[in-house]
Amino acid sequence: MYIFLDYDGTLIKNKEEDFQKYYFYSFLNYTNIKDKKIIDIILECTKELIKKNDRKENNLDFYMNLLAKKTGKSQEYWYNTFFDFYEKEFPNLKNIIIPNKKLINKIKKSNHNFIFASNPVFPEIAINHRINFINLDLNDFIYISTMENSYFCKPNPNYFLDILKKLKIKPADCIMIGDTDFDRASLKVGIDFIHISEEDKWESIL
């Protein structure tokens, strides 16, 4: 069995909007960017990334290009700014993370194949930290979605189809565990969905 796992609200108990508050506070504080309007621009770019529906650029290139256009600063500037933040300051956000210990313990003891299926709006360096935040290892997953290896985001069915194709697996052999309608979109490609609140269901499977 192949288990797709969401992160915010699933592998961790923090909801995405709660994590965002700490994330942006930390980002502005570390980068010393004074114009708080940048947060609105970042969120706007993220929304456009989620709606993206072509393969012209991977998610990271698309996002950096868009951010450069909207701010008038170069892609290189934003790339260096974000990656410096992810390398040096982002790891400190581990302090606010509330791991879903019951689910994580099940994963550690399970023989199933796990896919890290958080929406790919973070680059690999940040995703690796997020996995470390909950004391899991990169090797606990057979596939990890990142901005670099993705061209689509949930709830676009192509997000799931790309992973199925890469891993050469069938929807009938998969389950998505998550907490939002973005995760429930797995049903559109034939992957069963279990809400994280349905503990009896995912406990019996894992």
Foldseek 3Di string as FASTA:
>chain_A
DEEEEAAACFQFVHHPVRLVVVVLVQLCVVLVDPPPCLVVQLVVLVVVLQVFDDVPDFQLVSSLVSSCVVPVHHSVVVVVSVVVCLVPPLLVSLVVTGGPVVVVVLLVPDPHAYEHQYWAPAAPSNVQSSCVSSPHHPVSHPYYRHSHVHRHTFPPCVRVVVVCVVVVHALVVYEYEEADVSRVSSVVRNHHYDYSVPVVVVSVVD
